[in-house]
Amino acid sequence: MTDPAPEHIETARLRRSPRYGAFLAAGAALGLLVALVLTFAFDGTSTTSDAGVTYSTGQVFGFLILVCIPIGMAIGITVALILDRRLSRRTRDVLIDHQHLLDEE
């Protein structure tokens, strides 16, 4: 037979917070999409660098990925931090009731 132990009531602070990993992944995906759009928006075959070197589409995409993904991740984490600040204002105190069941054999 199980007998309930004495109850223990505590106060806890309830607060929502964003998942930072999801915002980082969304920022990286946004950076990848921007790099893809920029790769095909500006065709690099008509203009060359001062050294006369032409870059393939894959090389241009790779260079843009190196720049756009970290910028997208920085934007994503900035949005997450702003949301975290705004959601921290909505904290509230709740009562938690702990009950431990003791099993007697």
PDB file of N, CA and C in Angstrom:
ATOM      1  N   MET A   1       0.842  -1.164   0.000  1.00  0.00           N
ATOM      2  CA  MET A   1       0.000   0.000   0.000  1.00  0.00           C
ATOM      3  C   MET A   1       0.896   1.239   0.000  1.00  0.00           C
ATOM      4  N   THR A   2       0.512   2.231  -0.728  1.00  0.00           N
ATOM      5  CA  THR A   2       1.317   3.452  -0.811  1.00  0.00           C
ATOM      6  C   THR A   2       0.706   4.530   0.058  1.00  0.00           C
ATOM      7  N   ASP A   3       1.563   5.138   0.844  1.00  0.00           N
ATOM      8  CA  ASP A   3       1.128   6.239   1.701  1.00  0.00           C
ATOM      9  C   ASP A   3       1.746   7.527   1.196  1.00  0.00           C
ATOM     10  N   PRO A   4       0.945   8.555   1.007  1.00  0.00           N
ATOM     11  CA  PRO A   4       1.541   9.820   0.555  1.00  0.00           C
ATOM     12  C   PRO A   4       2.354  10.462   1.664  1.00  0.00           C
ATOM     13  N   ALA A   5       3.501  10.965   1.285  1.00  0.00           N
ATOM     14  CA  ALA A   5       4.356  11.681   2.228  1.00  0.00           C
ATOM     15  C   ALA A   5       3.830  13.097   2.401  1.00  0.00           C
ATOM     16  N   PRO A   6       4.322  13.817   3.377  1.00  0.00           N
ATOM     17  CA  PRO A   6       3.865  15.197   3.543  1.00  0.00           C
ATOM     18  C   PRO A   6       4.176  16.027   2.300  1.00  0.00           C
ATOM     19  N   GLU A   7       3.287  16.935   1.996  1.00  0.00           N
ATOM     20  CA  GLU A   7       3.441  17.760   0.800  1.00  0.00           C
ATOM     21  C   GLU A   7       4.467  18.857   1.050  1.00  0.00           C
ATOM     22  N   HIS A   8       5.117  19.235  -0.020  1.00  0.00           N
ATOM     23  CA  HIS A   8       6.119  20.290   0.050  1.00  0.00           C
ATOM     24  C   HIS A   8       5.820  21.277  -1.079  1.00  0.00           C
ATOM     25  N   ILE A   9       5.446  22.495  -0.764  1.00  0.00           N
ATOM     26  CA  ILE A   9       5.081  23.496  -1.766  1.00  0.00           C
ATOM     27  C   ILE A   9       6.214  24.510  -1.873  1.00  0.00           C
ATOM     28  N   GLU A  10       6.646  24.743  -3.110  1.00  0.00           N
ATOM     29  CA  GLU A  10       7.701  25.714  -3.392  1.00  0.00           C
ATOM     30  C   GLU A  10       7.208  26.718  -4.421  1.00  0.00           C
ATOM     31  N   THR A  11       7.906  27.830  -4.482  1.00  0.00           N
ATOM     32  CA  THR A  11       7.639  28.831  -5.503  1.00  0.00           C
ATOM     33  C   THR A  11       8.756  28.774  -6.536  1.00  0.00           C
ATOM     34  N   ALA A  12       8.371  28.771  -7.798  1.00  0.00           N
ATOM     35  CA  ALA A  12       9.353  28.747  -8.882  1.00  0.00           C
ATOM     36  C   ALA A  12       9.008  29.842  -9.880  1.00  0.00           C
ATOM     37  N   ARG A  13      10.010  30.252 -10.613  1.00  0.00           N
ATOM     38  CA  ARG A  13       9.828  31.291 -11.619  1.00  0.00           C
ATOM     39  C   ARG A  13       9.682  30.621 -12.980  1.00  0.00           C
ATOM     40  N   LEU A  14       8.573  30.864 -13.656  1.00  0.00           N
ATOM     41  CA  LEU A  14       8.287  30.287 -14.959  1.00  0.00           C
ATOM     42  C   LEU A  14       8.638  31.304 -16.034  1.00  0.00           C
ATOM     43  N   ARG A  15       9.456  30.864 -16.987  1.00  0.00           N
ATOM     44  CA  ARG A  15       9.932  31.782 -18.015  1.00  0.00           C
ATOM     45  C   ARG A  15      10.144  31.010 -19.300  1.00  0.00           C
ATOM     46  N   ARG A  16       9.751  31.609 -20.400  1.00  0.00           N
ATOM     47  CA  ARG A  16       9.972  31.004 -21.709  1.00  0.00           C
ATOM     48  C   ARG A  16      11.248  31.559 -22.301  1.00  0.00           C
ATOM     49  N   SER A  17      11.945  30.746 -23.086  1.00  0.00           N
ATOM     50  CA  SER A  17      13.148  31.221 -23.755  1.00  0.00           C
ATOM     51  C   SER A  17      13.231  30.545 -25.118  1.00  0.00           C
ATOM     52  N   PRO A  18      13.804  31.239 -26.093  1.00  0.00           N
ATOM     53  CA  PRO A  18      13.913  30.660 -27.435  1.00  0.00           C
ATOM     54  C   PRO A  18      14.973  29.563 -27.477  1.00  0.00           C
ATOM     55  N   ARG A  19      14.860  28.683 -28.453  1.00  0.00           N
ATOM     56  CA  ARG A  19      15.862  27.647 -28.677  1.00  0.00           C
ATOM     57  C   ARG A  19      16.926  28.228 -29.612  1.00  0.00           C
ATOM     58  N   TYR A  20      18.101  28.439 -29.039  1.00  0.00           N
ATOM     59  CA  TYR A  20      19.157  29.124 -29.781  1.00  0.00           C
ATOM     60  C   TYR A  20      19.663  28.308 -30.965  1.00  0.00           C
ATOM     61  N   GLY A  21      19.685  27.013 -30.834  1.00  0.00           N
ATOM     62  CA  GLY A  21      20.133  26.157 -31.931  1.00  0.00           C
ATOM     63  C   GLY A  21      19.245  26.285 -33.160  1.00  0.00           C
ATOM     64  N   ALA A  22      17.946  26.416 -32.926  1.00  0.00           N
ATOM     65  CA  ALA A  22      17.017  26.571 -34.044  1.00  0.00           C
ATOM     66  C   ALA A  22      17.238  27.907 -34.753  1.00  0.00           C
ATOM     67  N   PHE A  23      17.522  28.948 -33.982  1.00  0.00           N
ATOM     68  CA  PHE A  23      17.776  30.255 -34.589  1.00  0.00           C
ATOM     69  C   PHE A  23      19.109  30.265 -35.341  1.00  0.00           C
ATOM     70  N   LEU A  24      20.114  29.559 -34.813  1.00  0.00           N
ATOM     71  CA  LEU A  24      21.383  29.457 -35.527  1.00  0.00           C
ATOM     72  C   LEU A  24      21.215  28.695 -36.839  1.00  0.00           C
ATOM     73  N   ALA A  25      20.452  27.598 -36.801  1.00  0.00           N
ATOM     74  CA  ALA A  25      20.214  26.815 -38.019  1.00  0.00           C
ATOM     75  C   ALA A  25      19.409  27.615 -39.045  1.00  0.00           C
ATOM     76  N   ALA A  26      18.420  28.355 -38.576  1.00  0.00           N
ATOM     77  CA  ALA A  26      17.631  29.184 -39.499  1.00  0.00           C
ATOM     78  C   ALA A  26      18.494  30.284 -40.109  1.00  0.00           C
ATOM     79  N   GLY A  27      19.381  30.878 -39.317  1.00  0.00           N
ATOM     80  CA  GLY A  27      20.287  31.898 -39.840  1.00  0.00           C
ATOM     81  C   GLY A  27      21.257  31.317 -40.863  1.00  0.00           C
ATOM     82  N   ALA A  28      21.754  30.103 -40.600  1.00  0.00           N
ATOM     83  CA  ALA A  28      22.650  29.449 -41.556  1.00  0.00           C
ATOM     84  C   ALA A  28      21.914  29.127 -42.854  1.00  0.00           C
ATOM     85  N   ALA A  29      20.671  28.671 -42.741  1.00  0.00           N
ATOM     86  CA  ALA A  29      19.876  28.384 -43.941  1.00  0.00           C
ATOM     87  C   ALA A  29      19.601  29.667 -44.726  1.00  0.00           C
ATOM     88  N   LEU A  30      19.328  30.752 -44.016  1.00  0.00           N
ATOM     89  CA  LEU A  30      19.121  32.040 -44.678  1.00  0.00           C
ATOM     90  C   LEU A  30      20.392  32.487 -45.391  1.00  0.00           C
ATOM     91  N   GLY A  31      21.548  32.323 -44.742  1.00  0.00           N
ATOM     92  CA  GLY A  31      22.822  32.675 -45.364  1.00  0.00           C
ATOM     93  C   GLY A  31      23.103  31.837 -46.598  1.00  0.00           C
ATOM     94  N   LEU A  32      22.779  30.546 -46.541  1.00  0.00           N
ATOM     95  CA  LEU A  32      22.959  29.669 -47.695  1.00  0.00           C
ATOM     96  C   LEU A  32      22.070  30.096 -48.855  1.00  0.00           C
ATOM     97  N   LEU A  33      20.835  30.456 -48.540  1.00  0.00           N
ATOM     98  CA  LEU A  33      19.901  30.905 -49.574  1.00  0.00           C
ATOM     99  C   LEU A  33      20.371  32.214 -50.212  1.00  0.00           C
ATOM    100  N   VAL A  34      20.858  33.140 -49.393  1.00  0.00           N
ATOM    101  CA  VAL A  34      21.363  34.412 -49.916  1.00  0.00           C
ATOM    102  C   VAL A  34      22.587  34.174 -50.795  1.00  0.00           C
ATOM    103  N   ALA A  35      23.470  33.271 -50.376  1.00  0.00           N
ATOM    104  CA  ALA A  35      24.645  32.950 -51.184  1.00  0.00           C
ATOM    105  C   ALA A  35      24.241  32.351 -52.527  1.00  0.00           C
ATOM    106  N   LEU A  36      23.229  31.497 -52.511  1.00  0.00           N
ATOM    107  CA  LEU A  36      22.752  30.897 -53.756  1.00  0.00           C
ATOM    108  C   LEU A  36      22.156  31.946 -54.689  1.00  0.00           C
ATOM    109  N   VAL A  37      21.363  32.847 -54.140  1.00  0.00           N
ATOM    110  CA  VAL A  37      20.755  33.904 -54.954  1.00  0.00           C
ATOM    111  C   VAL A  37      21.833  34.830 -55.517  1.00  0.00           C
ATOM    112  N   LEU A  38      22.794  35.206 -54.676  1.00  0.00           N
ATOM    113  CA  LEU A  38      23.854  36.104 -55.151  1.00  0.00           C
ATOM    114  C   LEU A  38      24.740  35.444 -56.201  1.00  0.00           C
ATOM    115  N   THR A  39      24.930  34.137 -56.098  1.00  0.00           N
ATOM    116  CA  THR A  39      25.756  33.431 -57.074  1.00  0.00           C
ATOM    117  C   THR A  39      25.156  33.533 -58.467  1.00  0.00           C
ATOM    118  N   PHE A  40      23.866  33.334 -58.555  1.00  0.00           N
ATOM    119  CA  PHE A  40      23.237  33.350 -59.875  1.00  0.00           C
ATOM    120  C   PHE A  40      22.743  34.732 -60.286  1.00  0.00           C
ATOM    121  N   ALA A  41      22.647  35.670 -59.350  1.00  0.00           N
ATOM    122  CA  ALA A  41      22.220  37.023 -59.694  1.00  0.00           C
ATOM    123  C   ALA A  41      23.341  37.786 -60.390  1.00  0.00           C
ATOM    124  N   PHE A  42      24.566  37.573 -59.958  1.00  0.00           N
ATOM    125  CA  PHE A  42      25.709  38.257 -60.541  1.00  0.00           C
ATOM    126  C   PHE A  42      26.591  37.236 -61.227  1.00  0.00           C
ATOM    127  N   ASP A  43      26.495  37.170 -62.544  1.00  0.00           N
ATOM    128  CA  ASP A  43      27.306  36.238 -63.312  1.00  0.00           C
ATOM    129  C   ASP A  43      28.716  36.807 -63.418  1.00  0.00           C
ATOM    130  N   GLY A  44      29.699  36.113 -62.893  1.00  0.00           N
ATOM    131  CA  GLY A  44      31.057  36.620 -62.829  1.00  0.00           C
ATOM    132  C   GLY A  44      31.874  36.420 -64.089  1.00  0.00           C
ATOM    133  N   THR A  45      31.299  35.885 -65.147  1.00  0.00           N
ATOM    134  CA  THR A  45      32.084  35.623 -66.350  1.00  0.00           C
ATOM    135  C   THR A  45      32.371  36.889 -67.140  1.00  0.00           C
ATOM    136  N   SER A  46      31.518  37.891 -67.057  1.00  0.00           N
ATOM    137  CA  SER A  46      31.737  39.103 -67.845  1.00  0.00           C
ATOM    138  C   SER A  46      32.810  39.995 -67.230  1.00  0.00           C
ATOM    139  N   THR A  47      32.961  39.969 -65.927  1.00  0.00           N
ATOM    140  CA  THR A  47      33.986  40.781 -65.278  1.00  0.00           C
ATOM    141  C   THR A  47      35.012  39.869 -64.635  1.00  0.00           C
ATOM    142  N   THR A  48      36.252  40.257 -64.714  1.00  0.00           N
ATOM    143  CA  THR A  48      37.321  39.480 -64.089  1.00  0.00           C
ATOM    144  C   THR A  48      38.033  40.359 -63.077  1.00  0.00           C
ATOM    145  N   SER A  49      38.862  39.737 -62.268  1.00  0.00           N
ATOM    146  CA  SER A  49      39.620  40.508 -61.300  1.00  0.00           C
ATOM    147  C   SER A  49      40.779  41.209 -62.004  1.00  0.00           C
ATOM    148  N   ASP A  50      41.534  41.985 -61.274  1.00  0.00           N
ATOM    149  CA  ASP A  50      42.658  42.713 -61.848  1.00  0.00           C
ATOM    150  C   ASP A  50      43.731  41.777 -62.382  1.00  0.00           C
ATOM    151  N   ALA A  51      43.805  40.577 -61.859  1.00  0.00           N
ATOM    152  CA  ALA A  51      44.828  39.628 -62.296  1.00  0.00           C
ATOM    153  C   ALA A  51      44.384  38.858 -63.537  1.00  0.00           C
ATOM    154  N   GLY A  52      43.172  39.063 -63.992  1.00  0.00           N
ATOM    155  CA  GLY A  52      42.685  38.381 -65.189  1.00  0.00           C
ATOM    156  C   GLY A  52      42.204  36.968 -64.912  1.00  0.00           C
ATOM    157  N   VAL A  53      41.884  36.658 -63.664  1.00  0.00           N
ATOM    158  CA  VAL A  53      41.432  35.321 -63.296  1.00  0.00           C
ATOM    159  C   VAL A  53      39.916  35.294 -63.318  1.00  0.00           C
ATOM    160  N   THR A  54      39.357  34.264 -63.902  1.00  0.00           N
ATOM    161  CA  THR A  54      37.900  34.085 -63.877  1.00  0.00           C
ATOM    162  C   THR A  54      37.582  32.946 -62.908  1.00  0.00           C
ATOM    163  N   TYR A  55      36.491  33.073 -62.214  1.00  0.00           N
ATOM    164  CA  TYR A  55      36.078  32.078 -61.234  1.00  0.00           C
ATOM    165  C   TYR A  55      34.845  31.351 -61.735  1.00  0.00           C
ATOM    166  N   SER A  56      34.783  30.053 -61.477  1.00  0.00           N
ATOM    167  CA  SER A  56      33.607  29.274 -61.868  1.00  0.00           C
ATOM    168  C   SER A  56      32.451  29.583 -60.914  1.00  0.00           C
ATOM    169  N   THR A  57      31.278  29.125 -61.301  1.00  0.00           N
ATOM    170  CA  THR A  57      30.091  29.355 -60.479  1.00  0.00           C
ATOM    171  C   THR A  57      30.233  28.666 -59.123  1.00  0.00           C
ATOM    172  N   GLY A  58      30.810  27.476 -59.102  1.00  0.00           N
ATOM    173  CA  GLY A  58      31.010  26.760 -57.846  1.00  0.00           C
ATOM    174  C   GLY A  58      31.971  27.482 -56.914  1.00  0.00           C
ATOM    175  N   GLN A  59      33.022  28.077 -57.488  1.00  0.00           N
ATOM    176  CA  GLN A  59      33.966  28.822 -56.668  1.00  0.00           C
ATOM    177  C   GLN A  59      33.321  30.073 -56.075  1.00  0.00           C
ATOM    178  N   VAL A  60      32.547  30.766 -56.885  1.00  0.00           N
ATOM    179  CA  VAL A  60      31.854  31.966 -56.395  1.00  0.00           C
ATOM    180  C   VAL A  60      30.880  31.592 -55.288  1.00  0.00           C
ATOM    181  N   PHE A  61      30.162  30.476 -55.482  1.00  0.00           N
ATOM    182  CA  PHE A  61      29.223  30.015 -54.462  1.00  0.00           C
ATOM    183  C   PHE A  61      29.967  29.668 -53.165  1.00  0.00           C
ATOM    184  N   GLY A  62      31.097  29.013 -53.270  1.00  0.00           N
ATOM    185  CA  GLY A  62      31.887  28.675 -52.097  1.00  0.00           C
ATOM    186  C   GLY A  62      32.383  29.909 -51.357  1.00  0.00           C
ATOM    187  N   PHE A  63      32.860  30.907 -52.102  1.00  0.00           N
ATOM    188  CA  PHE A  63      33.321  32.149 -51.469  1.00  0.00           C
ATOM    189  C   PHE A  63      32.174  32.858 -50.756  1.00  0.00           C
ATOM    190  N   LEU A  64      31.021  32.890 -51.405  1.00  0.00           N
ATOM    191  CA  LEU A  64      29.872  33.566 -50.801  1.00  0.00           C
ATOM    192  C   LEU A  64      29.352  32.824 -49.577  1.00  0.00           C
ATOM    193  N   ILE A  65      29.434  31.489 -49.596  1.00  0.00           N
ATOM    194  CA  ILE A  65      29.013  30.716 -48.431  1.00  0.00           C
ATOM    195  C   ILE A  65      29.879  31.067 -47.222  1.00  0.00           C
ATOM    196  N   LEU A  66      31.181  31.242 -47.468  1.00  0.00           N
ATOM    197  CA  LEU A  66      32.094  31.567 -46.367  1.00  0.00           C
ATOM    198  C   LEU A  66      31.752  32.891 -45.705  1.00  0.00           C
ATOM    199  N   VAL A  67      31.098  33.766 -46.426  1.00  0.00           N
ATOM    200  CA  VAL A  67      30.734  35.070 -45.870  1.00  0.00           C
ATOM    201  C   VAL A  67      29.283  35.089 -45.394  1.00  0.00           C
ATOM    202  N   CYS A  68      28.371  34.535 -46.197  1.00  0.00           N
ATOM    203  CA  CYS A  68      26.940  34.679 -45.921  1.00  0.00           C
ATOM    204  C   CYS A  68      26.451  33.819 -44.754  1.00  0.00           C
ATOM    205  N   ILE A  69      26.977  32.611 -44.595  1.00  0.00           N
ATOM    206  CA  ILE A  69      26.494  31.758 -43.506  1.00  0.00           C
ATOM    207  C   ILE A  69      26.835  32.344 -42.134  1.00  0.00           C
ATOM    208  N   PRO A  70      28.082  32.790 -41.875  1.00  0.00           N
ATOM    209  CA  PRO A  70      28.325  33.407 -40.556  1.00  0.00           C
ATOM    210  C   PRO A  70      27.511  34.676 -40.310  1.00  0.00           C
ATOM    211  N   ILE A  71      27.283  35.461 -41.360  1.00  0.00           N
ATOM    212  CA  ILE A  71      26.450  36.660 -41.197  1.00  0.00           C
ATOM    213  C   ILE A  71      25.015  36.262 -40.880  1.00  0.00           C
ATOM    214  N   GLY A  72      24.494  35.242 -41.569  1.00  0.00           N
ATOM    215  CA  GLY A  72      23.140  34.757 -41.291  1.00  0.00           C
ATOM    216  C   GLY A  72      23.009  34.196 -39.890  1.00  0.00           C
ATOM    217  N   MET A  73      24.047  33.474 -39.426  1.00  0.00           N
ATOM    218  CA  MET A  73      24.014  32.941 -38.064  1.00  0.00           C
ATOM    219  C   MET A  73      24.062  34.066 -37.037  1.00  0.00           C
ATOM    220  N   ALA A  74      24.832  35.109 -37.321  1.00  0.00           N
ATOM    221  CA  ALA A  74      24.889  36.253 -36.415  1.00  0.00           C
ATOM    222  C   ALA A  74      23.538  36.954 -36.345  1.00  0.00           C
ATOM    223  N   ILE A  75      22.866  37.067 -37.483  1.00  0.00           N
ATOM    224  CA  ILE A  75      21.531  37.674 -37.492  1.00  0.00           C
ATOM    225  C   ILE A  75      20.549  36.799 -36.713  1.00  0.00           C
ATOM    226  N   GLY A  76      20.624  35.479 -36.905  1.00  0.00           N
ATOM    227  CA  GLY A  76      19.729  34.560 -36.201  1.00  0.00           C
ATOM    228  C   GLY A  76      19.904  34.614 -34.697  1.00  0.00           C
ATOM    229  N   ILE A  77      21.154  34.639 -34.232  1.00  0.00           N
ATOM    230  CA  ILE A  77      21.384  34.668 -32.789  1.00  0.00           C
ATOM    231  C   ILE A  77      21.001  36.030 -32.211  1.00  0.00           C
ATOM    232  N   THR A  78      21.138  37.089 -33.004  1.00  0.00           N
ATOM    233  CA  THR A  78      20.714  38.412 -32.547  1.00  0.00           C
ATOM    234  C   THR A  78      19.199  38.460 -32.362  1.00  0.00           C
ATOM    235  N   VAL A  79      18.470  37.871 -33.298  1.00  0.00           N
ATOM    236  CA  VAL A  79      17.007  37.813 -33.176  1.00  0.00           C
ATOM    237  C   VAL A  79      16.621  36.986 -31.950  1.00  0.00           C
ATOM    238  N   ALA A  80      17.332  35.869 -31.715  1.00  0.00           N
ATOM    239  CA  ALA A  80      17.036  35.038 -30.542  1.00  0.00           C
ATOM    240  C   ALA A  80      17.302  35.791 -29.247  1.00  0.00           C
ATOM    241  N   LEU A  81      18.381  36.551 -29.189  1.00  0.00           N
ATOM    242  CA  LEU A  81      18.681  37.324 -27.981  1.00  0.00           C
ATOM    243  C   LEU A  81      17.650  38.423 -27.742  1.00  0.00           C
ATOM    244  N   ILE A  82      17.192  39.063 -28.815  1.00  0.00           N
ATOM    245  CA  ILE A  82      16.155  40.094 -28.679  1.00  0.00           C
ATOM    246  C   ILE A  82      14.855  39.464 -28.172  1.00  0.00           C
ATOM    247  N   LEU A  83      14.495  38.296 -28.730  1.00  0.00           N
ATOM    248  CA  LEU A  83      13.294  37.606 -28.256  1.00  0.00           C
ATOM    249  C   LEU A  83      13.444  37.170 -26.804  1.00  0.00           C
ATOM    250  N   ASP A  84      14.633  36.733 -26.426  1.00  0.00           N
ATOM    251  CA  ASP A  84      14.867  36.327 -25.052  1.00  0.00           C
ATOM    252  C   ASP A  84      14.684  37.504 -24.098  1.00  0.00           C
ATOM    253  N   ARG A  85      15.177  38.662 -24.474  1.00  0.00           N
ATOM    254  CA  ARG A  85      14.994  39.859 -23.640  1.00  0.00           C
ATOM    255  C   ARG A  85      13.525  40.236 -23.515  1.00  0.00           C
ATOM    256  N   ARG A  86      12.802  40.151 -24.630  1.00  0.00           N
ATOM    257  CA  ARG A  86      11.382  40.523 -24.593  1.00  0.00           C
ATOM    258  C   ARG A  86      10.556  39.522 -23.806  1.00  0.00           C
ATOM    259  N   LEU A  87      10.895  38.227 -23.929  1.00  0.00           N
ATOM    260  CA  LEU A  87      10.137  37.213 -23.205  1.00  0.00           C
ATOM    261  C   LEU A  87      10.487  37.191 -21.721  1.00  0.00           C
ATOM    262  N   SER A  88      11.650  37.712 -21.348  1.00  0.00           N
ATOM    263  CA  SER A  88      12.024  37.702 -19.938  1.00  0.00           C
ATOM    264  C   SER A  88      11.151  38.648 -19.117  1.00  0.00           C
ATOM    265  N   ARG A  89      10.510  39.569 -19.757  1.00  0.00           N
ATOM    266  CA  ARG A  89       9.598  40.473 -19.050  1.00  0.00           C
ATOM    267  C   ARG A  89       8.319  39.767 -18.619  1.00  0.00           C
ATOM    268  N   ARG A  90       8.032  38.651 -19.250  1.00  0.00           N
ATOM    269  CA  ARG A  90       6.787  37.934 -18.972  1.00  0.00           C
ATOM    270  C   ARG A  90       6.978  36.797 -17.963  1.00  0.00           C
ATOM    271  N   THR A  91       7.964  36.878 -17.128  1.00  0.00           N
ATOM    272  CA  THR A  91       8.153  35.836 -16.121  1.00  0.00           C
ATOM    273  C   THR A  91       7.076  35.959 -15.058  1.00  0.00           C
ATOM    274  N   ARG A  92       6.746  34.828 -14.487  1.00  0.00           N
ATOM    275  CA  ARG A  92       5.750  34.839 -13.419  1.00  0.00           C
ATOM    276  C   ARG A  92       6.109  33.752 -12.417  1.00  0.00           C
ATOM    277  N   ASP A  93       5.646  33.939 -11.211  1.00  0.00           N
ATOM    278  CA  ASP A  93       5.893  32.973 -10.151  1.00  0.00           C
ATOM    279  C   ASP A  93       4.733  31.986 -10.093  1.00  0.00           C
ATOM    280  N   VAL A  94       5.071  30.713  -9.956  1.00  0.00           N
ATOM    281  CA  VAL A  94       4.061  29.665  -9.843  1.00  0.00           C
ATOM    282  C   VAL A  94       4.364  28.825  -8.613  1.00  0.00           C
ATOM    283  N   LEU A  95       3.341  28.183  -8.103  1.00  0.00           N
ATOM    284  CA  LEU A  95       3.491  27.294  -6.959  1.00  0.00           C
ATOM    285  C   LEU A  95       3.648  25.860  -7.461  1.00  0.00           C
ATOM    286  N   ILE A  96       4.623  25.155  -6.912  1.00  0.00           N
ATOM    287  CA  ILE A  96       4.873  23.765  -7.287  1.00  0.00           C
ATOM    288  C   ILE A  96       4.610  22.909  -6.064  1.00  0.00           C
ATOM    289  N   ASP A  97       3.780  21.912  -6.251  1.00  0.00           N
ATOM    290  CA  ASP A  97       3.416  21.015  -5.170  1.00  0.00           C
ATOM    291  C   ASP A  97       4.149  19.690  -5.380  1.00  0.00           C
ATOM    292  N   HIS A  98       5.078  19.374  -4.496  1.00  0.00           N
ATOM    293  CA  HIS A  98       5.834  18.124  -4.564  1.00  0.00           C
ATOM    294  C   HIS A  98       5.125  17.072  -3.726  1.00  0.00           C
ATOM    295  N   GLN A  99       4.907  15.927  -4.308  1.00  0.00           N
ATOM    296  CA  GLN A  99       4.358  14.797  -3.571  1.00  0.00           C
ATOM    297  C   GLN A  99       5.262  13.604  -3.825  1.00  0.00           C
ATOM    298  N   HIS A 100       5.704  12.965  -2.789  1.00  0.00           N
ATOM    299  CA  HIS A 100       6.517  11.765  -2.894  1.00  0.00           C
ATOM    300  C   HIS A 100       5.679  10.591  -2.399  1.00  0.00           C
ATOM    301  N   LEU A 101       5.582   9.584  -3.199  1.00  0.00           N
ATOM    302  CA  LEU A 101       4.851   8.390  -2.797  1.00  0.00           C
ATOM    303  C   LEU A 101       5.852   7.387  -2.246  1.00  0.00           C
ATOM    304  N   LEU A 102       5.599   6.924  -1.042  1.00  0.00           N
ATOM    305  CA  LEU A 102       6.459   5.925  -0.420  1.00  0.00           C
ATOM    306  C   LEU A 102       5.835   4.563  -0.614  1.00  0.00           C
ATOM    307  N   ASP A 103       6.631   3.658  -1.115  1.00  0.00           N
ATOM    308  CA  ASP A 103       6.126   2.316  -1.397  1.00  0.00           C
ATOM    309  C   ASP A 103       6.587   1.397  -0.271  1.00  0.00           C
ATOM    310  N   GLU A 104       5.636   0.866   0.484  1.00  0.00           N
ATOM    311  CA  GLU A 104       5.948  -0.036   1.586  1.00  0.00           C
ATOM    312  C   GLU A 104       5.623  -1.449   1.153  1.00  0.00           C
ATOM    313  N   GLU A 105       6.572  -2.310   1.416  1.00  0.00           N
ATOM    314  CA  GLU A 105       6.347  -3.700   1.036  1.00  0.00           C
ATOM    315  C   GLU A 105       6.116  -4.566   2.237  1.00  0.00           C
TER     316      GLU A 105
END
